[in-house]
Amino acid sequence: MTDQVEGVEAATETTPAKIDGRMRRAERTRVRILEATRRMIVDGVLRPKAEDIARKADCSTRSIFQHFADLAALYAEALTPALREYIARRLRAMDDADLVAAVQGARLHLSLTGDDAWTPPDA
């Protein structure tokens, strides 16, 4: 009886290491998927297919959808850092009057399209 209990305890003690290893592999796969998507878009494939992304990321298409709800979510996450940097560079290059006009234009666009991106997440 004691051996069985000890065996169970030993398995339980090693479980976190196994989970950590799986989590690290999953994170590496996720990063490869994002990098493959970015590369394909930069190379001119504006809406890469899951099969092509998987081939370039060296993973299965199923892995893509385990990490991202759909391709739109993948595209958004892959492009967000570059878009933020682009917008930040553009905003830094503007003088005050242009900056005010850009913000007003963005607010008008968002209100006309019904997009709630202007609304803070807590609201």
PDB file of N, CA and C in Angstrom:
ATOM      1  N   MET A   1       0.820  -1.186   0.000  1.00  0.00           N
ATOM      2  CA  MET A   1       0.000   0.000   0.000  1.00  0.00           C
ATOM      3  C   MET A   1       0.867   1.255   0.000  1.00  0.00           C
ATOM      4  N   THR A   2       1.910   1.240   0.822  1.00  0.00           N
ATOM      5  CA  THR A   2       2.770   2.412   0.913  1.00  0.00           C
ATOM      6  C   THR A   2       3.433   2.709  -0.423  1.00  0.00           C
ATOM      7  N   ASP A   3       3.848   1.645  -1.161  1.00  0.00           N
ATOM      8  CA  ASP A   3       4.481   1.847  -2.457  1.00  0.00           C
ATOM      9  C   ASP A   3       3.538   2.561  -3.423  1.00  0.00           C
ATOM     10  N   GLN A   4       2.263   2.193  -3.405  1.00  0.00           N
ATOM     11  CA  GLN A   4       1.310   2.843  -4.302  1.00  0.00           C
ATOM     12  C   GLN A   4       1.165   4.319  -3.955  1.00  0.00           C
ATOM     13  N   VAL A   5       1.089   4.624  -2.689  1.00  0.00           N
ATOM     14  CA  VAL A   5       0.961   6.023  -2.273  1.00  0.00           C
ATOM     15  C   VAL A   5       2.216   6.794  -2.659  1.00  0.00           C
ATOM     16  N   GLU A   6       3.387   6.177  -2.429  1.00  0.00           N
ATOM     17  CA  GLU A   6       4.625   6.846  -2.808  1.00  0.00           C
ATOM     18  C   GLU A   6       4.692   7.046  -4.315  1.00  0.00           C
ATOM     19  N   GLY A   7       4.237   6.068  -5.073  1.00  0.00           N
ATOM     20  CA  GLY A   7       4.223   6.200  -6.533  1.00  0.00           C
ATOM     21  C   GLY A   7       3.339   7.341  -6.985  1.00  0.00           C
ATOM     22  N   VAL A   8       2.197   7.475  -6.349  1.00  0.00           N
ATOM     23  CA  VAL A   8       1.288   8.569  -6.691  1.00  0.00           C
ATOM     24  C   VAL A   8       1.926   9.901  -6.334  1.00  0.00           C
ATOM     25  N   GLU A   9       2.543   9.975  -5.169  1.00  0.00           N
ATOM     26  CA  GLU A   9       3.194  11.220  -4.763  1.00  0.00           C
ATOM     27  C   GLU A   9       4.326  11.579  -5.718  1.00  0.00           C
ATOM     28  N   ALA A  10       5.092  10.596  -6.143  1.00  0.00           N
ATOM     29  CA  ALA A  10       6.195  10.862  -7.056  1.00  0.00           C
ATOM     30  C   ALA A  10       5.676  11.395  -8.385  1.00  0.00           C
ATOM     31  N   ALA A  11       4.593  10.812  -8.883  1.00  0.00           N
ATOM     32  CA  ALA A  11       4.021  11.290 -10.139  1.00  0.00           C
ATOM     33  C   ALA A  11       3.513  12.713  -9.984  1.00  0.00           C
ATOM     34  N   THR A  12       2.919  12.996  -8.861  1.00  0.00           N
ATOM     35  CA  THR A  12       2.398  14.343  -8.613  1.00  0.00           C
ATOM     36  C   THR A  12       3.535  15.355  -8.541  1.00  0.00           C
ATOM     37  N   GLU A  13       4.646  14.955  -7.933  1.00  0.00           N
ATOM     38  CA  GLU A  13       5.782  15.867  -7.823  1.00  0.00           C
ATOM     39  C   GLU A  13       6.387  16.191  -9.184  1.00  0.00           C
ATOM     40  N   THR A  14       6.332  15.275 -10.139  1.00  0.00           N
ATOM     41  CA  THR A  14       6.927  15.536 -11.447  1.00  0.00           C
ATOM     42  C   THR A  14       5.951  16.213 -12.406  1.00  0.00           C
ATOM     43  N   THR A  15       4.697  16.235 -12.070  1.00  0.00           N
ATOM     44  CA  THR A  15       3.708  16.829 -12.968  1.00  0.00           C
ATOM     45  C   THR A  15       4.019  18.278 -13.324  1.00  0.00           C
ATOM     46  N   PRO A  16       4.375  19.147 -12.368  1.00  0.00           N
ATOM     47  CA  PRO A  16       4.670  20.527 -12.750  1.00  0.00           C
ATOM     48  C   PRO A  16       5.785  20.637 -13.782  1.00  0.00           C
ATOM     49  N   ALA A  17       6.821  19.814 -13.689  1.00  0.00           N
ATOM     50  CA  ALA A  17       7.900  19.861 -14.669  1.00  0.00           C
ATOM     51  C   ALA A  17       7.384  19.489 -16.050  1.00  0.00           C
ATOM     52  N   LYS A  18       6.519  18.481 -16.130  1.00  0.00           N
ATOM     53  CA  LYS A  18       5.952  18.092 -17.417  1.00  0.00           C
ATOM     54  C   LYS A  18       5.090  19.214 -17.973  1.00  0.00           C
ATOM     55  N   ILE A  19       4.293  19.821 -17.122  1.00  0.00           N
ATOM     56  CA  ILE A  19       3.441  20.917 -17.572  1.00  0.00           C
ATOM     57  C   ILE A  19       4.303  22.082 -18.033  1.00  0.00           C
ATOM     58  N   ASP A  20       5.345  22.412 -17.277  1.00  0.00           N
ATOM     59  CA  ASP A  20       6.223  23.507 -17.672  1.00  0.00           C
ATOM     60  C   ASP A  20       6.854  23.238 -19.031  1.00  0.00           C
ATOM     61  N   GLY A  21       7.287  22.000 -19.266  1.00  0.00           N
ATOM     62  CA  GLY A  21       7.862  21.642 -20.559  1.00  0.00           C
ATOM     63  C   GLY A  21       6.853  21.792 -21.681  1.00  0.00           C
ATOM     64  N   ARG A  22       5.633  21.347 -21.449  1.00  0.00           N
ATOM     65  CA  ARG A  22       4.577  21.501 -22.456  1.00  0.00           C
ATOM     66  C   ARG A  22       4.282  22.968 -22.703  1.00  0.00           C
ATOM     67  N   MET A  23       4.245  23.724 -21.631  1.00  0.00           N
ATOM     68  CA  MET A  23       3.944  25.152 -21.773  1.00  0.00           C
ATOM     69  C   MET A  23       5.047  25.865 -22.552  1.00  0.00           C
ATOM     70  N   ARG A  24       6.293  25.499 -22.306  1.00  0.00           N
ATOM     71  CA  ARG A  24       7.399  26.113 -23.054  1.00  0.00           C
ATOM     72  C   ARG A  24       7.320  25.741 -24.528  1.00  0.00           C
ATOM     73  N   ARG A  25       7.037  24.486 -24.824  1.00  0.00           N
ATOM     74  CA  ARG A  25       6.900  24.071 -26.228  1.00  0.00           C
ATOM     75  C   ARG A  25       5.734  24.792 -26.882  1.00  0.00           C
ATOM     76  N   ALA A  26       4.626  24.890 -26.169  1.00  0.00           N
ATOM     77  CA  ALA A  26       3.450  25.576 -26.714  1.00  0.00           C
ATOM     78  C   ALA A  26       3.770  27.041 -26.995  1.00  0.00           C
ATOM     79  N   GLU A  27       4.489  27.679 -26.089  1.00  0.00           N
ATOM     80  CA  GLU A  27       4.844  29.089 -26.295  1.00  0.00           C
ATOM     81  C   GLU A  27       5.785  29.248 -27.482  1.00  0.00           C
ATOM     82  N   ARG A  28       6.733  28.324 -27.646  1.00  0.00           N
ATOM     83  CA  ARG A  28       7.632  28.385 -28.809  1.00  0.00           C
ATOM     84  C   ARG A  28       6.847  28.212 -30.100  1.00  0.00           C
ATOM     85  N   THR A  29       5.883  27.303 -30.095  1.00  0.00           N
ATOM     86  CA  THR A  29       5.040  27.104 -31.277  1.00  0.00           C
ATOM     87  C   THR A  29       4.256  28.368 -31.579  1.00  0.00           C
ATOM     88  N   ARG A  30       3.691  28.965 -30.552  1.00  0.00           N
ATOM     89  CA  ARG A  30       2.904  30.191 -30.719  1.00  0.00           C
ATOM     90  C   ARG A  30       3.761  31.301 -31.328  1.00  0.00           C
ATOM     91  N   VAL A  31       4.978  31.454 -30.842  1.00  0.00           N
ATOM     92  CA  VAL A  31       5.891  32.476 -31.367  1.00  0.00           C
ATOM     93  C   VAL A  31       6.226  32.184 -32.826  1.00  0.00           C
ATOM     94  N   ARG A  32       6.472  30.916 -33.166  1.00  0.00           N
ATOM     95  CA  ARG A  32       6.762  30.557 -34.562  1.00  0.00           C
ATOM     96  C   ARG A  32       5.579  30.886 -35.464  1.00  0.00           C
ATOM     97  N   ILE A  33       4.367  30.636 -34.984  1.00  0.00           N
ATOM     98  CA  ILE A  33       3.161  30.941 -35.766  1.00  0.00           C
ATOM     99  C   ILE A  33       3.074  32.444 -36.018  1.00  0.00           C
ATOM    100  N   LEU A  34       3.278  33.241 -34.973  1.00  0.00           N
ATOM    101  CA  LEU A  34       3.224  34.700 -35.127  1.00  0.00           C
ATOM    102  C   LEU A  34       4.306  35.195 -36.080  1.00  0.00           C
ATOM    103  N   GLU A  35       5.523  34.688 -35.930  1.00  0.00           N
ATOM    104  CA  GLU A  35       6.623  35.117 -36.796  1.00  0.00           C
ATOM    105  C   GLU A  35       6.378  34.713 -38.244  1.00  0.00           C
ATOM    106  N   ALA A  36       5.882  33.509 -38.460  1.00  0.00           N
ATOM    107  CA  ALA A  36       5.584  33.058 -39.822  1.00  0.00           C
ATOM    108  C   ALA A  36       4.512  33.936 -40.453  1.00  0.00           C
ATOM    109  N   THR A  37       3.499  34.264 -39.687  1.00  0.00           N
ATOM    110  CA  THR A  37       2.421  35.115 -40.196  1.00  0.00           C
ATOM    111  C   THR A  37       2.962  36.487 -40.563  1.00  0.00           C
ATOM    112  N   ARG A  38       3.752  37.086 -39.687  1.00  0.00           N
ATOM    113  CA  ARG A  38       4.345  38.404 -39.977  1.00  0.00           C
ATOM    114  C   ARG A  38       5.192  38.356 -41.238  1.00  0.00           C
ATOM    115  N   ARG A  39       6.049  37.347 -41.345  1.00  0.00           N
ATOM    116  CA  ARG A  39       6.924  37.235 -42.521  1.00  0.00           C
ATOM    117  C   ARG A  39       6.112  37.131 -43.797  1.00  0.00           C
ATOM    118  N   MET A  40       5.059  36.326 -43.767  1.00  0.00           N
ATOM    119  CA  MET A  40       4.250  36.148 -44.969  1.00  0.00           C
ATOM    120  C   MET A  40       3.565  37.452 -45.361  1.00  0.00           C
ATOM    121  N   ILE A  41       3.053  38.175 -44.382  1.00  0.00           N
ATOM    122  CA  ILE A  41       2.383  39.442 -44.681  1.00  0.00           C
ATOM    123  C   ILE A  41       3.387  40.456 -45.216  1.00  0.00           C
ATOM    124  N   VAL A  42       4.560  40.545 -44.594  1.00  0.00           N
ATOM    125  CA  VAL A  42       5.607  41.454 -45.072  1.00  0.00           C
ATOM    126  C   VAL A  42       6.023  41.080 -46.493  1.00  0.00           C
ATOM    127  N   ASP A  43       6.031  39.795 -46.807  1.00  0.00           N
ATOM    128  CA  ASP A  43       6.404  39.330 -48.144  1.00  0.00           C
ATOM    129  C   ASP A  43       5.289  39.516 -49.169  1.00  0.00           C
ATOM    130  N   GLY A  44       4.138  40.057 -48.736  1.00  0.00           N
ATOM    131  CA  GLY A  44       3.077  40.374 -49.685  1.00  0.00           C
ATOM    132  C   GLY A  44       1.869  39.466 -49.667  1.00  0.00           C
ATOM    133  N   VAL A  45       1.877  38.437 -48.837  1.00  0.00           N
ATOM    134  CA  VAL A  45       0.703  37.562 -48.723  1.00  0.00           C
ATOM    135  C   VAL A  45      -0.180  38.181 -47.639  1.00  0.00           C
ATOM    136  N   LEU A  46      -1.149  38.996 -48.053  1.00  0.00           N
ATOM    137  CA  LEU A  46      -1.900  39.804 -47.090  1.00  0.00           C
ATOM    138  C   LEU A  46      -2.869  39.005 -46.237  1.00  0.00           C
ATOM    139  N   ARG A  47      -3.351  37.878 -46.734  1.00  0.00           N
ATOM    140  CA  ARG A  47      -4.248  37.012 -45.951  1.00  0.00           C
ATOM    141  C   ARG A  47      -3.757  35.572 -46.065  1.00  0.00           C
ATOM    142  N   PRO A  48      -2.646  35.263 -45.403  1.00  0.00           N
ATOM    143  CA  PRO A  48      -2.106  33.908 -45.532  1.00  0.00           C
ATOM    144  C   PRO A  48      -3.079  32.854 -45.003  1.00  0.00           C
ATOM    145  N   LYS A  49      -3.092  31.727 -45.676  1.00  0.00           N
ATOM    146  CA  LYS A  49      -3.958  30.613 -45.272  1.00  0.00           C
ATOM    147  C   LYS A  49      -3.312  29.855 -44.113  1.00  0.00           C
ATOM    148  N   ALA A  50      -4.150  29.234 -43.310  1.00  0.00           N
ATOM    149  CA  ALA A  50      -3.673  28.485 -42.141  1.00  0.00           C
ATOM    150  C   ALA A  50      -2.672  27.406 -42.551  1.00  0.00           C
ATOM    151  N   GLU A  51      -2.946  26.728 -43.646  1.00  0.00           N
ATOM    152  CA  GLU A  51      -2.051  25.652 -44.094  1.00  0.00           C
ATOM    153  C   GLU A  51      -0.665  26.199 -44.425  1.00  0.00           C
ATOM    154  N   ASP A  52      -0.622  27.375 -45.071  1.00  0.00           N
ATOM    155  CA  ASP A  52       0.663  27.972 -45.439  1.00  0.00           C
ATOM    156  C   ASP A  52       1.418  28.471 -44.208  1.00  0.00           C
ATOM    157  N   ILE A  53       0.686  29.055 -43.272  1.00  0.00           N
ATOM    158  CA  ILE A  53       1.310  29.511 -42.023  1.00  0.00           C
ATOM    159  C   ILE A  53       1.881  28.310 -41.270  1.00  0.00           C
ATOM    160  N   ALA A  54       1.101  27.245 -41.181  1.00  0.00           N
ATOM    161  CA  ALA A  54       1.540  26.041 -40.466  1.00  0.00           C
ATOM    162  C   ALA A  54       2.808  25.473 -41.096  1.00  0.00           C
ATOM    163  N   ARG A  55       2.847  25.432 -42.414  1.00  0.00           N
ATOM    164  CA  ARG A  55       4.027  24.903 -43.100  1.00  0.00           C
ATOM    165  C   ARG A  55       5.253  25.766 -42.775  1.00  0.00           C
ATOM    166  N   LYS A  56       5.093  27.078 -42.833  1.00  0.00           N
ATOM    167  CA  LYS A  56       6.213  27.983 -42.562  1.00  0.00           C
ATOM    168  C   LYS A  56       6.615  27.952 -41.081  1.00  0.00           C
ATOM    169  N   ALA A  57       5.651  27.734 -40.188  1.00  0.00           N
ATOM    170  CA  ALA A  57       5.925  27.702 -38.744  1.00  0.00           C
ATOM    171  C   ALA A  57       6.333  26.312 -38.270  1.00  0.00           C
ATOM    172  N   ASP A  58       6.312  25.340 -39.170  1.00  0.00           N
ATOM    173  CA  ASP A  58       6.652  23.955 -38.835  1.00  0.00           C
ATOM    174  C   ASP A  58       5.758  23.422 -37.713  1.00  0.00           C
ATOM    175  N   CYS A  59       4.445  23.551 -37.932  1.00  0.00           N
ATOM    176  CA  CYS A  59       3.470  23.032 -36.973  1.00  0.00           C
ATOM    177  C   CYS A  59       2.231  22.584 -37.746  1.00  0.00           C
ATOM    178  N   SER A  60       1.260  22.071 -37.058  1.00  0.00           N
ATOM    179  CA  SER A  60       0.016  21.654 -37.702  1.00  0.00           C
ATOM    180  C   SER A  60      -0.960  22.825 -37.755  1.00  0.00           C
ATOM    181  N   THR A  61      -1.924  22.737 -38.664  1.00  0.00           N
ATOM    182  CA  THR A  61      -2.963  23.776 -38.697  1.00  0.00           C
ATOM    183  C   THR A  61      -3.761  23.742 -37.397  1.00  0.00           C
ATOM    184  N   ARG A  62      -3.908  22.566 -36.831  1.00  0.00           N
ATOM    185  CA  ARG A  62      -4.623  22.461 -35.555  1.00  0.00           C
ATOM    186  C   ARG A  62      -3.930  23.292 -34.481  1.00  0.00           C
ATOM    187  N   SER A  63      -2.597  23.303 -34.482  1.00  0.00           N
ATOM    188  CA  SER A  63      -1.857  24.107 -33.504  1.00  0.00           C
ATOM    189  C   SER A  63      -2.215  25.585 -33.621  1.00  0.00           C
ATOM    190  N   ILE A  64      -2.398  26.039 -34.847  1.00  0.00           N
ATOM    191  CA  ILE A  64      -2.761  27.446 -35.047  1.00  0.00           C
ATOM    192  C   ILE A  64      -4.053  27.755 -34.308  1.00  0.00           C
ATOM    193  N   PHE A  65      -5.043  26.883 -34.480  1.00  0.00           N
ATOM    194  CA  PHE A  65      -6.351  27.150 -33.889  1.00  0.00           C
ATOM    195  C   PHE A  65      -6.428  26.764 -32.408  1.00  0.00           C
ATOM    196  N   GLN A  66      -5.395  26.112 -31.903  1.00  0.00           N
ATOM    197  CA  GLN A  66      -5.302  25.917 -30.453  1.00  0.00           C
ATOM    198  C   GLN A  66      -4.812  27.196 -29.783  1.00  0.00           C
ATOM    199  N   HIS A  67      -4.055  27.991 -30.526  1.00  0.00           N
ATOM    200  CA  HIS A  67      -3.490  29.222 -29.976  1.00  0.00           C
ATOM    201  C   HIS A  67      -4.317  30.464 -30.300  1.00  0.00           C
ATOM    202  N   PHE A  68      -5.072  30.427 -31.390  1.00  0.00           N
ATOM    203  CA  PHE A  68      -5.824  31.597 -31.843  1.00  0.00           C
ATOM    204  C   PHE A  68      -7.239  31.173 -32.208  1.00  0.00           C
ATOM    205  N   ALA A  69      -8.216  31.991 -31.840  1.00  0.00           N
ATOM    206  CA  ALA A  69      -9.628  31.659 -32.079  1.00  0.00           C
ATOM    207  C   ALA A  69      -9.927  31.500 -33.564  1.00  0.00           C
ATOM    208  N   ASP A  70      -9.314  32.338 -34.381  1.00  0.00           N
ATOM    209  CA  ASP A  70      -9.506  32.281 -35.828  1.00  0.00           C
ATOM    210  C   ASP A  70      -8.349  33.029 -36.488  1.00  0.00           C
ATOM    211  N   LEU A  71      -8.336  33.049 -37.815  1.00  0.00           N
ATOM    212  CA  LEU A  71      -7.231  33.711 -38.506  1.00  0.00           C
ATOM    213  C   LEU A  71      -7.236  35.216 -38.265  1.00  0.00           C
ATOM    214  N   ALA A  72      -8.408  35.813 -38.120  1.00  0.00           N
ATOM    215  CA  ALA A  72      -8.472  37.256 -37.850  1.00  0.00           C
ATOM    216  C   ALA A  72      -7.763  37.584 -36.537  1.00  0.00           C
ATOM    217  N   ALA A  73      -7.952  36.761 -35.525  1.00  0.00           N
ATOM    218  CA  ALA A  73      -7.272  36.981 -34.239  1.00  0.00           C
ATOM    219  C   ALA A  73      -5.761  36.818 -34.396  1.00  0.00           C
ATOM    220  N   LEU A  74      -5.349  35.852 -35.188  1.00  0.00           N
ATOM    221  CA  LEU A  74      -3.922  35.654 -35.453  1.00  0.00           C
ATOM    222  C   LEU A  74      -3.348  36.859 -36.188  1.00  0.00           C
ATOM    223  N   TYR A  75      -4.021  37.308 -37.254  1.00  0.00           N
ATOM    224  CA  TYR A  75      -3.543  38.475 -38.000  1.00  0.00           C
ATOM    225  C   TYR A  75      -3.429  39.685 -37.081  1.00  0.00           C
ATOM    226  N   ALA A  76      -4.447  39.900 -36.261  1.00  0.00           N
ATOM    227  CA  ALA A  76      -4.448  41.065 -35.361  1.00  0.00           C
ATOM    228  C   ALA A  76      -3.263  41.011 -34.406  1.00  0.00           C
ATOM    229  N   GLU A  77      -3.032  39.850 -33.802  1.00  0.00           N
ATOM    230  CA  GLU A  77      -1.920  39.756 -32.852  1.00  0.00           C
ATOM    231  C   GLU A  77      -0.572  39.844 -33.551  1.00  0.00           C
ATOM    232  N   ALA A  78      -0.481  39.298 -34.742  1.00  0.00           N
ATOM    233  CA  ALA A  78       0.780  39.339 -35.479  1.00  0.00           C
ATOM    234  C   ALA A  78       1.127  40.764 -35.908  1.00  0.00           C
ATOM    235  N   LEU A  79       0.119  41.550 -36.242  1.00  0.00           N
ATOM    236  CA  LEU A  79       0.366  42.887 -36.777  1.00  0.00           C
ATOM    237  C   LEU A  79       0.356  43.997 -35.733  1.00  0.00           C
ATOM    238  N   THR A  80      -0.234  43.760 -34.583  1.00  0.00           N
ATOM    239  CA  THR A  80      -0.382  44.822 -33.583  1.00  0.00           C
ATOM    240  C   THR A  80       0.936  45.494 -33.201  1.00  0.00           C
ATOM    241  N   PRO A  81       2.022  44.774 -32.910  1.00  0.00           N
ATOM    242  CA  PRO A  81       3.266  45.471 -32.532  1.00  0.00           C
ATOM    243  C   PRO A  81       3.780  46.402 -33.636  1.00  0.00           C
ATOM    244  N   ALA A  82       3.750  45.953 -34.878  1.00  0.00           N
ATOM    245  CA  ALA A  82       4.232  46.786 -35.985  1.00  0.00           C
ATOM    246  C   ALA A  82       3.325  47.993 -36.192  1.00  0.00           C
ATOM    247  N   LEU A  83       2.010  47.786 -36.078  1.00  0.00           N
ATOM    248  CA  LEU A  83       1.084  48.906 -36.245  1.00  0.00           C
ATOM    249  C   LEU A  83       1.241  49.927 -35.124  1.00  0.00           C
ATOM    250  N   ARG A  84       1.433  49.462 -33.908  1.00  0.00           N
ATOM    251  CA  ARG A  84       1.650  50.398 -32.794  1.00  0.00           C
ATOM    252  C   ARG A  84       2.902  51.231 -33.020  1.00  0.00           C
ATOM    253  N   GLU A  85       3.967  50.584 -33.449  1.00  0.00           N
ATOM    254  CA  GLU A  85       5.218  51.303 -33.706  1.00  0.00           C
ATOM    255  C   GLU A  85       5.038  52.304 -34.842  1.00  0.00           C
ATOM    256  N   TYR A  86       4.351  51.903 -35.895  1.00  0.00           N
ATOM    257  CA  TYR A  86       4.096  52.798 -37.030  1.00  0.00           C
ATOM    258  C   TYR A  86       3.303  54.021 -36.576  1.00  0.00           C
ATOM    259  N   ILE A  87       2.244  53.795 -35.826  1.00  0.00           N
ATOM    260  CA  ILE A  87       1.407  54.902 -35.346  1.00  0.00           C
ATOM    261  C   ILE A  87       2.215  55.808 -34.415  1.00  0.00           C
ATOM    262  N   ALA A  88       2.996  55.225 -33.530  1.00  0.00           N
ATOM    263  CA  ALA A  88       3.814  56.021 -32.607  1.00  0.00           C
ATOM    264  C   ALA A  88       4.803  56.894 -33.374  1.00  0.00           C
ATOM    265  N   ARG A  89       5.456  56.336 -34.392  1.00  0.00           N
ATOM    266  CA  ARG A  89       6.392  57.129 -35.207  1.00  0.00           C
ATOM    267  C   ARG A  89       5.672  58.276 -35.895  1.00  0.00           C
ATOM    268  N   ARG A  90       4.506  57.974 -36.463  1.00  0.00           N
ATOM    269  CA  ARG A  90       3.729  59.022 -37.149  1.00  0.00           C
ATOM    270  C   ARG A  90       3.306  60.112 -36.177  1.00  0.00           C
ATOM    271  N   LEU A  91       2.851  59.733 -34.997  1.00  0.00           N
ATOM    272  CA  LEU A  91       2.407  60.724 -34.017  1.00  0.00           C
ATOM    273  C   LEU A  91       3.569  61.588 -33.533  1.00  0.00           C
ATOM    274  N   ARG A  92       4.740  60.982 -33.332  1.00  0.00           N
ATOM    275  CA  ARG A  92       5.911  61.759 -32.901  1.00  0.00           C
ATOM    276  C   ARG A  92       6.336  62.767 -33.958  1.00  0.00           C
ATOM    277  N   ALA A  93       6.093  62.446 -35.226  1.00  0.00           N
ATOM    278  CA  ALA A  93       6.504  63.324 -36.320  1.00  0.00           C
ATOM    279  C   ALA A  93       5.533  64.484 -36.547  1.00  0.00           C
ATOM    280  N   MET A  94       4.360  64.447 -35.945  1.00  0.00           N
ATOM    281  CA  MET A  94       3.349  65.487 -36.171  1.00  0.00           C
ATOM    282  C   MET A  94       3.574  66.684 -35.261  1.00  0.00           C
ATOM    283  N   ASP A  95       3.209  67.861 -35.793  1.00  0.00           N
ATOM    284  CA  ASP A  95       3.185  69.015 -34.896  1.00  0.00           C
ATOM    285  C   ASP A  95       1.854  69.002 -34.146  1.00  0.00           C
ATOM    286  N   ASP A  96       1.700  69.886 -33.183  1.00  0.00           N
ATOM    287  CA  ASP A  96       0.515  69.865 -32.315  1.00  0.00           C
ATOM    288  C   ASP A  96      -0.796  69.969 -33.085  1.00  0.00           C
ATOM    289  N   ALA A  97      -0.860  70.857 -34.075  1.00  0.00           N
ATOM    290  CA  ALA A  97      -2.107  71.043 -34.825  1.00  0.00           C
ATOM    291  C   ALA A  97      -2.468  69.771 -35.590  1.00  0.00           C
ATOM    292  N   ASP A  98      -1.475  69.151 -36.219  1.00  0.00           N
ATOM    293  CA  ASP A  98      -1.737  67.907 -36.950  1.00  0.00           C
ATOM    294  C   ASP A  98      -2.162  66.792 -36.003  1.00  0.00           C
ATOM    295  N   LEU A  99      -1.559  66.754 -34.833  1.00  0.00           N
ATOM    296  CA  LEU A  99      -1.888  65.725 -33.850  1.00  0.00           C
ATOM    297  C   LEU A  99      -3.334  65.870 -33.388  1.00  0.00           C
ATOM    298  N   VAL A 100      -3.744  67.095 -33.091  1.00  0.00           N
ATOM    299  CA  VAL A 100      -5.129  67.339 -32.679  1.00  0.00           C
ATOM    300  C   VAL A 100      -6.082  66.930 -33.798  1.00  0.00           C
ATOM    301  N   ALA A 101      -5.764  67.301 -35.029  1.00  0.00           N
ATOM    302  CA  ALA A 101      -6.615  66.943 -36.168  1.00  0.00           C
ATOM    303  C   ALA A 101      -6.685  65.423 -36.337  1.00  0.00           C
ATOM    304  N   ALA A 102      -5.571  64.734 -36.147  1.00  0.00           N
ATOM    305  CA  ALA A 102      -5.563  63.273 -36.283  1.00  0.00           C
ATOM    306  C   ALA A 102      -6.435  62.617 -35.220  1.00  0.00           C
ATOM    307  N   VAL A 103      -6.342  63.106 -33.994  1.00  0.00           N
ATOM    308  CA  VAL A 103      -7.160  62.543 -32.911  1.00  0.00           C
ATOM    309  C   VAL A 103      -8.636  62.811 -33.170  1.00  0.00           C
ATOM    310  N   GLN A 104      -8.962  64.024 -33.595  1.00  0.00           N
ATOM    311  CA  GLN A 104     -10.363  64.345 -33.897  1.00  0.00           C
ATOM    312  C   GLN A 104     -10.883  63.475 -35.039  1.00  0.00           C
ATOM    313  N   GLY A 105     -10.064  63.287 -36.059  1.00  0.00           N
ATOM    314  CA  GLY A 105     -10.461  62.439 -37.183  1.00  0.00           C
ATOM    315  C   GLY A 105     -10.681  60.993 -36.755  1.00  0.00           C
ATOM    316  N   ALA A 106      -9.810  60.499 -35.892  1.00  0.00           N
ATOM    317  CA  ALA A 106      -9.952  59.122 -35.403  1.00  0.00           C
ATOM    318  C   ALA A 106     -11.228  58.972 -34.592  1.00  0.00           C
ATOM    319  N   ARG A 107     -11.499  59.941 -33.729  1.00  0.00           N
ATOM    320  CA  ARG A 107     -12.726  59.882 -32.913  1.00  0.00           C
ATOM    321  C   ARG A 107     -13.965  59.916 -33.797  1.00  0.00           C
ATOM    322  N   LEU A 108     -13.966  60.791 -34.802  1.00  0.00           N
ATOM    323  CA  LEU A 108     -15.109  60.879 -35.711  1.00  0.00           C
ATOM    324  C   LEU A 108     -15.298  59.563 -36.456  1.00  0.00           C
ATOM    325  N   HIS A 109     -14.205  59.017 -36.975  1.00  0.00           N
ATOM    326  CA  HIS A 109     -14.285  57.751 -37.704  1.00  0.00           C
ATOM    327  C   HIS A 109     -14.860  56.651 -36.813  1.00  0.00           C
ATOM    328  N   LEU A 110     -14.351  56.546 -35.602  1.00  0.00           N
ATOM    329  CA  LEU A 110     -14.817  55.497 -34.694  1.00  0.00           C
ATOM    330  C   LEU A 110     -16.283  55.684 -34.325  1.00  0.00           C
ATOM    331  N   SER A 111     -16.698  56.923 -34.131  1.00  0.00           N
ATOM    332  CA  SER A 111     -18.112  57.142 -33.783  1.00  0.00           C
ATOM    333  C   SER A 111     -19.024  56.842 -34.966  1.00  0.00           C
ATOM    334  N   LEU A 112     -18.581  57.152 -36.185  1.00  0.00           N
ATOM    335  CA  LEU A 112     -19.404  56.889 -37.370  1.00  0.00           C
ATOM    336  C   LEU A 112     -19.498  55.400 -37.696  1.00  0.00           C
ATOM    337  N   THR A 113     -18.448  54.661 -37.393  1.00  0.00           N
ATOM    338  CA  THR A 113     -18.450  53.225 -37.699  1.00  0.00           C
ATOM    339  C   THR A 113     -19.022  52.393 -36.567  1.00  0.00           C
ATOM    340  N   GLY A 114     -19.305  53.039 -35.438  1.00  0.00           N
ATOM    341  CA  GLY A 114     -19.845  52.302 -34.299  1.00  0.00           C
ATOM    342  C   GLY A 114     -18.794  51.492 -33.568  1.00  0.00           C
ATOM    343  N   ASP A 115     -17.533  51.725 -33.884  1.00  0.00           N
ATOM    344  CA  ASP A 115     -16.436  51.009 -33.233  1.00  0.00           C
ATOM    345  C   ASP A 115     -16.257  51.562 -31.826  1.00  0.00           C
ATOM    346  N   ASP A 116     -16.152  50.697 -30.856  1.00  0.00           N
ATOM    347  CA  ASP A 116     -16.009  51.158 -29.476  1.00  0.00           C
ATOM    348  C   ASP A 116     -14.548  51.205 -29.032  1.00  0.00           C
ATOM    349  N   ALA A 117     -13.617  51.215 -29.987  1.00  0.00           N
ATOM    350  CA  ALA A 117     -12.195  51.215 -29.650  1.00  0.00           C
ATOM    351  C   ALA A 117     -11.791  52.458 -28.870  1.00  0.00           C
ATOM    352  N   TRP A 118     -12.532  53.537 -29.008  1.00  0.00           N
ATOM    353  CA  TRP A 118     -12.197  54.762 -28.297  1.00  0.00           C
ATOM    354  C   TRP A 118     -12.606  54.683 -26.834  1.00  0.00           C
ATOM    355  N   THR A 119     -13.575  53.839 -26.547  1.00  0.00           N
ATOM    356  CA  THR A 119     -14.076  53.707 -25.185  1.00  0.00           C
ATOM    357  C   THR A 119     -13.073  52.924 -24.346  1.00  0.00           C
ATOM    358  N   PRO A 120     -12.669  53.467 -23.202  1.00  0.00           N
ATOM    359  CA  PRO A 120     -11.742  52.724 -22.341  1.00  0.00           C
ATOM    360  C   PRO A 120     -12.338  51.375 -21.941  1.00  0.00           C
ATOM    361  N   PRO A 121     -11.504  50.338 -21.772  1.00  0.00           N
ATOM    362  CA  PRO A 121     -11.996  48.996 -21.445  1.00  0.00           C
ATOM    363  C   PRO A 121     -12.829  48.948 -20.172  1.00  0.00           C
ATOM    364  N   ASP A 122     -12.588  49.846 -19.224  1.00  0.00           N
ATOM    365  CA  ASP A 122     -13.318  49.830 -17.958  1.00  0.00           C
ATOM    366  C   ASP A 122     -14.711  50.438 -18.072  1.00  0.00           C
ATOM    367  N   ALA A 123     -14.974  51.158 -19.148  1.00  0.00           N
ATOM    368  CA  ALA A 123     -16.259  51.874 -19.269  1.00  0.00           C
ATOM    369  C   ALA A 123     -17.400  50.935 -19.575  1.00  0.00           C
TER     370      ALA A 123
END
